[in-house]
Amino acid sequence: MKKSLGSNTLLFPTPVLLVGTYDREGKPNLMTAAWGGICNSQPPCIAVSLRKATYSHDAIMERKAFTIGIPSEDQVDAADYVGMASGRNGDKFAVTGLTPRKSELVDAPYAEEIPFILECRLLHTLDIGPHTQFVGEIVDVKADASVLSEDGRPDILKLKPLVYDTAHQGYYGIGQFVGKAFSVGKKLK
């Protein structure tokens, strides 16, 4: 028998997303978010929800653009730090040693050292209580060659993305391959 845990934000896993923005003066900033994911195929879009109180919230509203970086397991310290500190009070790039790079396609930065980047143009916003959900059209995906497989597509085992445990506020890596999507279930037909 299942035990009721009540209404809360438990979902497994949630991604660790580094949201890149420029503030009004053009200062680059990163923040960590876990409330997000792909939300549309054509055009390709991602949704990410940020509290209205965050520094990045106002930057996205102002610039109408953001980037999403997917950090690797070995970047957990930087990913955690940029989620705890506010860009209002300092330079997160300087503290973490990450290098800001200006997107050539959208008005937002990303961290050069983060191996996988989505460059997004803001399409929609939805106010949800203390959060705003930002829907961004993915105008380009950038990946370091080191995280690509022989076919030129991203390899999740090379990327080693972080995932977030909402129940215990912890970071984890991913497990091994367990089956081919749209295939392993065919044996049940």
N, C-alpha and C. Protein backbone atom coordinates (compact mmCIF):
# COMPACT_ATOMS: atom_id res chain seq x y z
N MET A 1 0.83 -1.17 0.00
CA MET A 1 0.00 0.00 0.00
C MET A 1 0.89 1.25 0.00
N LYS A 2 0.49 2.22 -0.79
CA LYS A 2 1.24 3.47 -0.87
C LYS A 2 0.85 4.40 0.28
N LYS A 3 1.81 5.19 0.75
CA LYS A 3 1.58 6.17 1.80
C LYS A 3 1.43 7.55 1.16
N SER A 4 0.42 8.30 1.53
CA SER A 4 0.23 9.65 1.01
C SER A 4 1.31 10.56 1.57
N LEU A 5 1.95 11.32 0.69
CA LEU A 5 2.97 12.29 1.09
C LEU A 5 2.46 13.72 0.98
N GLY A 6 1.21 13.87 0.61
CA GLY A 6 0.61 15.19 0.50
C GLY A 6 1.02 15.90 -0.78
N SER A 7 0.54 17.11 -0.90
CA SER A 7 0.81 17.93 -2.08
C SER A 7 2.15 18.64 -1.91
N ASN A 8 3.13 18.29 -2.75
CA ASN A 8 4.43 18.97 -2.69
C ASN A 8 5.18 18.76 -4.00
N THR A 9 6.42 19.19 -4.05
CA THR A 9 7.20 19.25 -5.29
C THR A 9 8.11 18.04 -5.51
N LEU A 10 7.62 16.87 -5.22
CA LEU A 10 8.43 15.67 -5.41
C LEU A 10 8.28 15.16 -6.84
N LEU A 11 9.40 15.08 -7.55
CA LEU A 11 9.47 14.51 -8.89
C LEU A 11 10.89 14.03 -9.07
N PHE A 12 11.04 12.85 -9.63
CA PHE A 12 12.38 12.26 -9.74
C PHE A 12 12.68 11.84 -11.16
N PRO A 13 13.85 12.14 -11.70
CA PRO A 13 14.74 13.17 -11.18
C PRO A 13 14.33 14.52 -11.71
N THR A 14 14.87 15.57 -11.16
CA THR A 14 14.72 16.90 -11.77
C THR A 14 16.11 17.32 -12.26
N PRO A 15 16.16 18.04 -13.36
CA PRO A 15 17.47 18.43 -13.89
C PRO A 15 18.09 19.56 -13.07
N VAL A 16 19.39 19.66 -13.14
CA VAL A 16 20.10 20.82 -12.61
C VAL A 16 20.39 21.70 -13.82
N LEU A 17 19.78 22.88 -13.84
CA LEU A 17 19.86 23.81 -14.97
C LEU A 17 20.56 25.08 -14.53
N LEU A 18 21.55 25.51 -15.29
CA LEU A 18 22.21 26.79 -15.02
C LEU A 18 21.65 27.82 -15.99
N VAL A 19 20.93 28.79 -15.44
CA VAL A 19 20.26 29.81 -16.24
C VAL A 19 21.20 31.00 -16.38
N GLY A 20 21.54 31.34 -17.62
CA GLY A 20 22.43 32.46 -17.89
C GLY A 20 21.65 33.67 -18.36
N THR A 21 21.96 34.85 -17.76
CA THR A 21 21.28 36.10 -18.12
C THR A 21 22.25 37.27 -18.05
N TYR A 22 21.86 38.36 -18.69
CA TYR A 22 22.52 39.66 -18.51
C TYR A 22 21.55 40.56 -17.77
N ASP A 23 22.07 41.33 -16.81
CA ASP A 23 21.21 42.30 -16.14
C ASP A 23 21.10 43.56 -16.99
N ARG A 24 20.43 44.55 -16.47
CA ARG A 24 20.16 45.80 -17.20
C ARG A 24 21.45 46.48 -17.66
N GLU A 25 22.52 46.36 -16.86
CA GLU A 25 23.80 46.99 -17.21
C GLU A 25 24.69 46.09 -18.05
N GLY A 26 24.25 44.88 -18.34
CA GLY A 26 25.03 43.96 -19.16
C GLY A 26 25.94 43.04 -18.38
N LYS A 27 25.78 43.00 -17.04
CA LYS A 27 26.58 42.10 -16.20
C LYS A 27 26.07 40.66 -16.38
N PRO A 28 26.96 39.70 -16.70
CA PRO A 28 26.53 38.32 -16.84
C PRO A 28 26.26 37.67 -15.49
N ASN A 29 25.27 36.79 -15.46
CA ASN A 29 24.91 36.11 -14.23
C ASN A 29 24.48 34.68 -14.55
N LEU A 30 24.67 33.81 -13.58
CA LEU A 30 24.18 32.42 -13.65
C LEU A 30 23.40 32.14 -12.38
N MET A 31 22.36 31.34 -12.50
CA MET A 31 21.67 30.82 -11.32
C MET A 31 21.28 29.39 -11.58
N THR A 32 21.17 28.62 -10.53
CA THR A 32 20.76 27.23 -10.64
C THR A 32 19.26 27.12 -10.46
N ALA A 33 18.63 26.34 -11.32
CA ALA A 33 17.20 26.07 -11.22
C ALA A 33 16.99 24.57 -11.42
N ALA A 34 15.95 24.06 -10.77
CA ALA A 34 15.60 22.65 -10.95
C ALA A 34 14.19 22.49 -11.51
N TRP A 35 13.40 23.54 -11.49
CA TRP A 35 12.03 23.44 -11.99
C TRP A 35 12.05 23.74 -13.48
N GLY A 36 12.33 22.73 -14.30
CA GLY A 36 12.36 22.97 -15.73
C GLY A 36 12.48 21.71 -16.54
N GLY A 37 12.26 21.86 -17.84
CA GLY A 37 12.40 20.75 -18.77
C GLY A 37 11.85 21.10 -20.14
N ILE A 38 12.07 20.22 -21.09
CA ILE A 38 11.55 20.40 -22.45
C ILE A 38 10.03 20.44 -22.38
N CYS A 39 9.43 21.39 -23.11
CA CYS A 39 7.97 21.52 -23.05
C CYS A 39 7.31 21.52 -24.43
N ASN A 40 8.08 21.51 -25.50
CA ASN A 40 7.50 21.50 -26.85
C ASN A 40 8.52 20.99 -27.84
N SER A 41 8.01 20.33 -28.91
CA SER A 41 8.90 19.79 -29.95
C SER A 41 9.13 20.75 -31.11
N GLN A 42 8.08 21.33 -31.65
CA GLN A 42 8.19 22.24 -32.79
C GLN A 42 7.39 23.50 -32.52
N PRO A 43 8.02 24.63 -32.27
CA PRO A 43 9.47 24.78 -32.18
C PRO A 43 9.99 24.15 -30.89
N PRO A 44 11.27 23.75 -30.91
CA PRO A 44 11.83 23.16 -29.69
C PRO A 44 11.85 24.22 -28.58
N CYS A 45 11.29 23.87 -27.42
CA CYS A 45 11.18 24.82 -26.31
C CYS A 45 11.50 24.15 -24.99
N ILE A 46 11.97 24.98 -24.08
CA ILE A 46 12.20 24.56 -22.70
C ILE A 46 11.45 25.52 -21.80
N ALA A 47 10.94 25.00 -20.69
CA ALA A 47 10.30 25.83 -19.68
C ALA A 47 11.14 25.76 -18.41
N VAL A 48 11.31 26.90 -17.78
CA VAL A 48 12.01 26.95 -16.50
C VAL A 48 11.27 27.95 -15.62
N SER A 49 11.05 27.57 -14.37
CA SER A 49 10.33 28.43 -13.43
C SER A 49 11.29 29.02 -12.42
N LEU A 50 11.24 30.35 -12.29
CA LEU A 50 12.09 31.07 -11.34
C LEU A 50 11.21 31.89 -10.41
N ARG A 51 11.65 31.98 -9.16
CA ARG A 51 10.94 32.86 -8.23
C ARG A 51 11.09 34.30 -8.71
N LYS A 52 10.01 35.06 -8.54
CA LYS A 52 10.02 36.47 -8.97
C LYS A 52 11.07 37.28 -8.22
N ALA A 53 11.46 36.84 -7.04
CA ALA A 53 12.44 37.55 -6.21
C ALA A 53 13.88 37.39 -6.71
N THR A 54 14.12 36.46 -7.65
CA THR A 54 15.50 36.24 -8.09
C THR A 54 15.98 37.36 -9.00
N TYR A 55 17.28 37.57 -8.97
CA TYR A 55 17.92 38.55 -9.84
C TYR A 55 17.75 38.17 -11.31
N SER A 56 17.79 36.88 -11.59
CA SER A 56 17.67 36.40 -12.97
C SER A 56 16.27 36.61 -13.54
N HIS A 57 15.26 36.58 -12.68
CA HIS A 57 13.88 36.79 -13.15
C HIS A 57 13.75 38.11 -13.89
N ASP A 58 14.19 39.18 -13.25
CA ASP A 58 14.09 40.50 -13.87
C ASP A 58 14.94 40.60 -15.13
N ALA A 59 16.08 39.93 -15.13
CA ALA A 59 16.96 39.97 -16.30
C ALA A 59 16.30 39.31 -17.51
N ILE A 60 15.63 38.19 -17.31
CA ILE A 60 14.92 37.54 -18.43
C ILE A 60 13.79 38.43 -18.91
N MET A 61 13.05 39.02 -18.00
CA MET A 61 11.95 39.90 -18.40
C MET A 61 12.49 41.08 -19.23
N GLU A 62 13.62 41.59 -18.84
CA GLU A 62 14.22 42.75 -19.52
C GLU A 62 14.80 42.39 -20.89
N ARG A 63 15.59 41.31 -20.94
CA ARG A 63 16.34 40.96 -22.15
C ARG A 63 15.61 40.02 -23.10
N LYS A 64 14.56 39.35 -22.59
CA LYS A 64 13.75 38.43 -23.41
C LYS A 64 14.58 37.26 -23.95
N ALA A 65 15.56 36.84 -23.16
CA ALA A 65 16.43 35.74 -23.58
C ALA A 65 17.11 35.15 -22.36
N PHE A 66 17.56 33.89 -22.50
CA PHE A 66 18.32 33.22 -21.46
C PHE A 66 19.02 32.02 -22.08
N THR A 67 20.00 31.51 -21.37
CA THR A 67 20.62 30.26 -21.78
C THR A 67 20.39 29.25 -20.66
N ILE A 68 20.48 27.98 -21.03
CA ILE A 68 20.40 26.90 -20.06
C ILE A 68 21.67 26.07 -20.23
N GLY A 69 22.42 25.93 -19.17
CA GLY A 69 23.61 25.09 -19.19
C GLY A 69 23.36 23.83 -18.38
N ILE A 70 23.87 22.72 -18.87
CA ILE A 70 23.76 21.45 -18.17
C ILE A 70 25.15 21.10 -17.62
N PRO A 71 25.33 21.28 -16.31
CA PRO A 71 26.64 21.00 -15.73
C PRO A 71 26.88 19.51 -15.58
N SER A 72 28.15 19.12 -15.61
CA SER A 72 28.56 17.74 -15.37
C SER A 72 28.78 17.52 -13.88
N GLU A 73 28.86 16.25 -13.50
CA GLU A 73 29.05 15.88 -12.09
C GLU A 73 30.23 16.60 -11.45
N ASP A 74 31.32 16.78 -12.20
CA ASP A 74 32.50 17.41 -11.63
C ASP A 74 32.35 18.93 -11.46
N GLN A 75 31.20 19.48 -11.86
CA GLN A 75 30.95 20.91 -11.71
C GLN A 75 29.91 21.19 -10.62
N VAL A 76 29.70 20.22 -9.73
CA VAL A 76 28.68 20.33 -8.69
C VAL A 76 28.93 21.51 -7.75
N ASP A 77 30.18 21.80 -7.42
CA ASP A 77 30.47 22.91 -6.51
C ASP A 77 29.99 24.23 -7.11
N ALA A 78 30.35 24.48 -8.36
CA ALA A 78 29.93 25.73 -9.03
C ALA A 78 28.42 25.77 -9.19
N ALA A 79 27.83 24.64 -9.58
CA ALA A 79 26.37 24.61 -9.76
C ALA A 79 25.65 24.93 -8.46
N ASP A 80 26.11 24.38 -7.36
CA ASP A 80 25.48 24.65 -6.08
C ASP A 80 25.69 26.10 -5.67
N TYR A 81 26.90 26.61 -5.84
CA TYR A 81 27.19 27.99 -5.44
C TYR A 81 26.31 28.99 -6.17
N VAL A 82 26.18 28.86 -7.50
CA VAL A 82 25.40 29.86 -8.25
C VAL A 82 23.92 29.77 -7.93
N GLY A 83 23.49 28.71 -7.26
CA GLY A 83 22.12 28.61 -6.79
C GLY A 83 21.92 29.20 -5.41
N MET A 84 23.01 29.37 -4.66
CA MET A 84 22.91 29.92 -3.31
C MET A 84 23.18 31.43 -3.26
N ALA A 85 24.09 31.91 -4.08
CA ALA A 85 24.48 33.32 -4.07
C ALA A 85 23.57 34.12 -5.00
N SER A 86 23.44 35.39 -4.72
CA SER A 86 22.66 36.28 -5.59
C SER A 86 23.59 37.11 -6.45
N GLY A 87 23.24 37.25 -7.71
CA GLY A 87 23.99 38.10 -8.62
C GLY A 87 23.91 39.57 -8.24
N ARG A 88 22.95 39.92 -7.39
CA ARG A 88 22.86 41.31 -6.92
C ARG A 88 24.07 41.67 -6.06
N ASN A 89 24.65 40.65 -5.42
CA ASN A 89 25.69 40.90 -4.42
C ASN A 89 27.11 40.55 -4.85
N GLY A 90 27.29 40.13 -6.09
CA GLY A 90 28.64 39.79 -6.51
C GLY A 90 28.67 39.18 -7.90
N ASP A 91 29.86 38.80 -8.30
CA ASP A 91 30.10 38.24 -9.62
C ASP A 91 30.30 36.74 -9.48
N LYS A 92 29.28 35.97 -9.82
CA LYS A 92 29.34 34.52 -9.68
C LYS A 92 30.35 33.89 -10.62
N PHE A 93 30.56 34.50 -11.77
CA PHE A 93 31.56 33.98 -12.70
C PHE A 93 32.95 34.10 -12.07
N ALA A 94 33.25 35.23 -11.47
CA ALA A 94 34.57 35.42 -10.84
C ALA A 94 34.77 34.44 -9.69
N VAL A 95 33.77 34.26 -8.86
CA VAL A 95 33.90 33.38 -7.69
C VAL A 95 34.11 31.93 -8.12
N THR A 96 33.37 31.47 -9.12
CA THR A 96 33.46 30.07 -9.55
C THR A 96 34.60 29.79 -10.51
N GLY A 97 35.16 30.83 -11.10
CA GLY A 97 36.20 30.64 -12.10
C GLY A 97 35.64 30.30 -13.47
N LEU A 98 34.32 30.37 -13.62
CA LEU A 98 33.70 30.12 -14.93
C LEU A 98 33.88 31.34 -15.82
N THR A 99 33.92 31.11 -17.13
CA THR A 99 34.17 32.17 -18.10
C THR A 99 32.89 32.52 -18.83
N PRO A 100 32.41 33.79 -18.72
CA PRO A 100 31.19 34.16 -19.44
C PRO A 100 31.45 34.29 -20.94
N ARG A 101 30.55 33.74 -21.72
CA ARG A 101 30.59 33.87 -23.18
C ARG A 101 29.26 34.42 -23.65
N LYS A 102 29.31 35.40 -24.52
CA LYS A 102 28.08 35.98 -25.07
C LYS A 102 27.57 35.09 -26.19
N SER A 103 26.30 34.74 -26.10
CA SER A 103 25.67 34.02 -27.20
C SER A 103 25.67 34.91 -28.43
N GLU A 104 25.89 34.32 -29.57
CA GLU A 104 25.79 35.08 -30.82
C GLU A 104 24.36 35.15 -31.33
N LEU A 105 23.46 34.39 -30.70
CA LEU A 105 22.09 34.28 -31.20
C LEU A 105 21.03 34.90 -30.30
N VAL A 106 21.30 34.95 -28.99
CA VAL A 106 20.34 35.53 -28.05
C VAL A 106 21.09 36.48 -27.11
N ASP A 107 20.35 37.34 -26.45
CA ASP A 107 20.95 38.36 -25.58
C ASP A 107 21.16 37.79 -24.17
N ALA A 108 22.04 36.79 -24.08
CA ALA A 108 22.31 36.13 -22.80
C ALA A 108 23.68 35.46 -22.86
N PRO A 109 24.31 35.30 -21.70
CA PRO A 109 25.61 34.62 -21.64
C PRO A 109 25.46 33.16 -21.25
N TYR A 110 26.55 32.44 -21.40
CA TYR A 110 26.65 31.08 -20.84
C TYR A 110 28.07 30.92 -20.33
N ALA A 111 28.30 29.88 -19.56
CA ALA A 111 29.64 29.60 -19.04
C ALA A 111 30.37 28.68 -20.01
N GLU A 112 31.50 29.12 -20.49
CA GLU A 112 32.28 28.36 -21.47
C GLU A 112 32.59 26.94 -21.00
N GLU A 113 32.85 26.77 -19.72
CA GLU A 113 33.26 25.47 -19.20
C GLU A 113 32.11 24.47 -19.07
N ILE A 114 30.88 24.93 -19.10
CA ILE A 114 29.72 24.04 -19.01
C ILE A 114 29.57 23.36 -20.37
N PRO A 115 29.54 22.02 -20.41
CA PRO A 115 29.68 21.30 -21.68
C PRO A 115 28.47 21.29 -22.60
N PHE A 116 27.29 21.67 -22.10
CA PHE A 116 26.09 21.56 -22.92
C PHE A 116 25.21 22.78 -22.67
N ILE A 117 24.87 23.51 -23.72
CA ILE A 117 24.19 24.80 -23.60
C ILE A 117 22.99 24.86 -24.55
N LEU A 118 21.88 25.39 -24.05
CA LEU A 118 20.72 25.71 -24.88
C LEU A 118 20.60 27.23 -24.90
N GLU A 119 20.51 27.80 -26.09
CA GLU A 119 20.33 29.25 -26.23
C GLU A 119 18.87 29.50 -26.55
N CYS A 120 18.23 30.34 -25.73
CA CYS A 120 16.77 30.46 -25.77
C CYS A 120 16.29 31.89 -25.93
N ARG A 121 15.30 32.04 -26.78
CA ARG A 121 14.59 33.31 -26.96
C ARG A 121 13.26 33.17 -26.22
N LEU A 122 12.94 34.13 -25.36
CA LEU A 122 11.72 34.07 -24.56
C LEU A 122 10.48 34.12 -25.45
N LEU A 123 9.60 33.14 -25.31
CA LEU A 123 8.34 33.09 -26.07
C LEU A 123 7.14 33.45 -25.21
N HIS A 124 7.08 32.89 -23.99
CA HIS A 124 5.91 33.07 -23.14
C HIS A 124 6.32 33.13 -21.68
N THR A 125 5.47 33.77 -20.89
CA THR A 125 5.61 33.73 -19.44
C THR A 125 4.26 33.37 -18.84
N LEU A 126 4.31 32.69 -17.71
CA LEU A 126 3.10 32.34 -16.98
C LEU A 126 3.38 32.55 -15.50
N ASP A 127 2.61 33.43 -14.88
CA ASP A 127 2.76 33.65 -13.44
C ASP A 127 2.08 32.52 -12.69
N ILE A 128 2.84 31.92 -11.76
CA ILE A 128 2.34 30.83 -10.93
C ILE A 128 2.76 31.12 -9.49
N GLY A 129 1.91 31.79 -8.74
CA GLY A 129 2.26 32.12 -7.36
C GLY A 129 3.55 32.92 -7.29
N PRO A 130 4.51 32.49 -6.46
CA PRO A 130 5.76 33.25 -6.34
C PRO A 130 6.73 33.01 -7.51
N HIS A 131 6.37 32.14 -8.44
CA HIS A 131 7.22 31.82 -9.58
C HIS A 131 6.64 32.38 -10.88
N THR A 132 7.52 32.54 -11.86
CA THR A 132 7.13 32.77 -13.24
C THR A 132 7.73 31.64 -14.05
N GLN A 133 6.89 31.02 -14.88
CA GLN A 133 7.41 30.00 -15.79
C GLN A 133 7.77 30.71 -17.09
N PHE A 134 9.03 30.56 -17.49
CA PHE A 134 9.53 31.13 -18.73
C PHE A 134 9.62 30.02 -19.76
N VAL A 135 8.98 30.22 -20.90
CA VAL A 135 9.09 29.28 -22.01
C VAL A 135 9.99 29.93 -23.05
N GLY A 136 11.10 29.25 -23.32
CA GLY A 136 12.05 29.77 -24.29
C GLY A 136 12.16 28.86 -25.50
N GLU A 137 12.15 29.46 -26.67
CA GLU A 137 12.42 28.70 -27.89
C GLU A 137 13.92 28.44 -27.96
N ILE A 138 14.28 27.19 -28.13
CA ILE A 138 15.69 26.82 -28.23
C ILE A 138 16.14 27.14 -29.66
N VAL A 139 16.96 28.19 -29.79
CA VAL A 139 17.41 28.60 -31.12
C VAL A 139 18.72 27.93 -31.52
N ASP A 140 19.45 27.39 -30.52
CA ASP A 140 20.65 26.62 -30.83
C ASP A 140 21.04 25.79 -29.61
N VAL A 141 21.68 24.68 -29.87
CA VAL A 141 22.26 23.82 -28.84
C VAL A 141 23.75 23.76 -29.12
N LYS A 142 24.55 24.00 -28.10
CA LYS A 142 26.00 23.93 -28.24
C LYS A 142 26.52 22.83 -27.31
N ALA A 143 27.44 22.02 -27.80
CA ALA A 143 28.00 20.94 -26.99
C ALA A 143 29.49 20.84 -27.23
N ASP A 144 30.23 20.62 -26.15
CA ASP A 144 31.65 20.34 -26.27
C ASP A 144 31.81 19.01 -27.01
N ALA A 145 32.82 18.91 -27.84
CA ALA A 145 33.09 17.66 -28.57
C ALA A 145 33.28 16.49 -27.61
N SER A 146 33.79 16.78 -26.41
CA SER A 146 34.05 15.71 -25.44
C SER A 146 32.80 15.00 -24.95
N VAL A 147 31.62 15.59 -25.15
CA VAL A 147 30.37 14.95 -24.69
C VAL A 147 29.55 14.39 -25.84
N LEU A 148 30.15 14.34 -27.03
CA LEU A 148 29.44 13.81 -28.20
C LEU A 148 29.90 12.39 -28.50
N SER A 149 28.95 11.59 -28.97
CA SER A 149 29.29 10.22 -29.39
C SER A 149 29.77 10.25 -30.84
N GLU A 150 30.12 9.09 -31.36
CA GLU A 150 30.65 9.00 -32.73
C GLU A 150 29.65 9.51 -33.77
N ASP A 151 28.34 9.43 -33.47
CA ASP A 151 27.34 9.90 -34.43
C ASP A 151 27.11 11.41 -34.35
N GLY A 152 27.87 12.11 -33.48
CA GLY A 152 27.77 13.56 -33.38
C GLY A 152 26.66 14.04 -32.45
N ARG A 153 25.96 13.13 -31.82
CA ARG A 153 24.88 13.49 -30.90
C ARG A 153 25.41 13.42 -29.46
N PRO A 154 24.76 14.17 -28.55
CA PRO A 154 25.20 14.14 -27.16
C PRO A 154 25.11 12.74 -26.56
N ASP A 155 26.10 12.40 -25.77
CA ASP A 155 26.16 11.11 -25.08
C ASP A 155 25.98 11.38 -23.59
N ILE A 156 24.88 10.94 -23.03
CA ILE A 156 24.56 11.22 -21.63
C ILE A 156 25.62 10.66 -20.68
N LEU A 157 26.25 9.54 -21.05
CA LEU A 157 27.27 8.96 -20.18
C LEU A 157 28.57 9.75 -20.22
N LYS A 158 28.83 10.46 -21.32
CA LYS A 158 29.99 11.34 -21.38
C LYS A 158 29.70 12.69 -20.72
N LEU A 159 28.49 13.18 -20.87
CA LEU A 159 28.08 14.44 -20.26
C LEU A 159 28.04 14.33 -18.73
N LYS A 160 27.54 13.22 -18.23
CA LYS A 160 27.41 13.00 -16.78
C LYS A 160 26.65 14.15 -16.12
N PRO A 161 25.40 14.41 -16.56
CA PRO A 161 24.65 15.55 -16.01
C PRO A 161 24.27 15.32 -14.55
N LEU A 162 24.16 16.42 -13.84
CA LEU A 162 23.67 16.38 -12.47
C LEU A 162 22.15 16.29 -12.48
N VAL A 163 21.61 15.57 -11.52
CA VAL A 163 20.17 15.59 -11.27
C VAL A 163 19.97 15.94 -9.80
N TYR A 164 18.79 16.46 -9.49
CA TYR A 164 18.50 16.98 -8.16
C TYR A 164 17.43 16.13 -7.50
N ASP A 165 17.65 15.79 -6.25
CA ASP A 165 16.69 15.04 -5.43
C ASP A 165 15.89 16.06 -4.62
N THR A 166 14.64 16.27 -5.03
CA THR A 166 13.80 17.27 -4.35
C THR A 166 13.46 16.87 -2.92
N ALA A 167 13.42 15.59 -2.63
CA ALA A 167 13.03 15.14 -1.29
C ALA A 167 14.12 15.40 -0.26
N HIS A 168 15.39 15.23 -0.66
CA HIS A 168 16.49 15.35 0.29
C HIS A 168 17.48 16.45 -0.05
N GLN A 169 17.15 17.25 -1.06
CA GLN A 169 17.98 18.37 -1.51
C GLN A 169 19.42 17.93 -1.76
N GLY A 170 19.56 16.91 -2.60
CA GLY A 170 20.87 16.39 -2.92
C GLY A 170 21.09 16.31 -4.42
N TYR A 171 22.35 16.27 -4.81
CA TYR A 171 22.74 16.12 -6.21
C TYR A 171 23.20 14.70 -6.45
N TYR A 172 22.86 14.19 -7.62
CA TYR A 172 23.23 12.83 -8.00
C TYR A 172 23.67 12.81 -9.45
N GLY A 173 24.37 11.75 -9.81
CA GLY A 173 24.68 11.48 -11.20
C GLY A 173 23.59 10.58 -11.77
N ILE A 174 23.79 10.14 -12.98
CA ILE A 174 22.81 9.25 -13.61
C ILE A 174 23.31 7.82 -13.58
N GLY A 175 22.41 6.89 -13.78
CA GLY A 175 22.77 5.48 -13.80
C GLY A 175 23.11 5.00 -15.20
N GLN A 176 23.25 3.71 -15.33
CA GLN A 176 23.62 3.11 -16.60
C GLN A 176 22.40 2.90 -17.49
N PHE A 177 22.64 2.65 -18.74
CA PHE A 177 21.61 2.37 -19.74
C PHE A 177 20.81 1.14 -19.30
N VAL A 178 19.47 1.24 -19.40
CA VAL A 178 18.63 0.11 -19.02
C VAL A 178 17.72 -0.38 -20.14
N GLY A 179 17.59 0.37 -21.23
CA GLY A 179 16.77 -0.09 -22.34
C GLY A 179 16.55 0.99 -23.37
N LYS A 180 16.33 0.60 -24.61
CA LYS A 180 16.11 1.51 -25.73
C LYS A 180 14.66 2.00 -25.73
N ALA A 181 14.48 3.32 -25.70
CA ALA A 181 13.14 3.90 -25.72
C ALA A 181 12.41 3.55 -27.01
N PHE A 182 11.12 3.40 -26.92
CA PHE A 182 10.24 3.04 -28.04
C PHE A 182 10.60 1.70 -28.62
N SER A 183 11.22 0.86 -27.80
CA SER A 183 11.63 -0.46 -28.25
C SER A 183 11.38 -1.54 -27.19
N VAL A 184 11.91 -1.34 -25.97
CA VAL A 184 11.81 -2.39 -24.96
C VAL A 184 10.37 -2.72 -24.60
N GLY A 185 9.48 -1.77 -24.74
CA GLY A 185 8.07 -2.03 -24.44
C GLY A 185 7.35 -2.82 -25.49
N LYS A 186 7.95 -2.96 -26.67
CA LYS A 186 7.29 -3.70 -27.76
C LYS A 186 7.01 -5.15 -27.39
N LYS A 187 7.80 -5.72 -26.50
CA LYS A 187 7.58 -7.12 -26.13
C LYS A 187 6.26 -7.30 -25.38
N LEU A 188 5.65 -6.22 -24.91
CA LEU A 188 4.38 -6.30 -24.20
C LEU A 188 3.19 -6.18 -25.14
N LYS A 189 3.43 -5.87 -26.40
CA LYS A 189 2.32 -5.71 -27.36
C LYS A 189 1.73 -7.06 -27.70
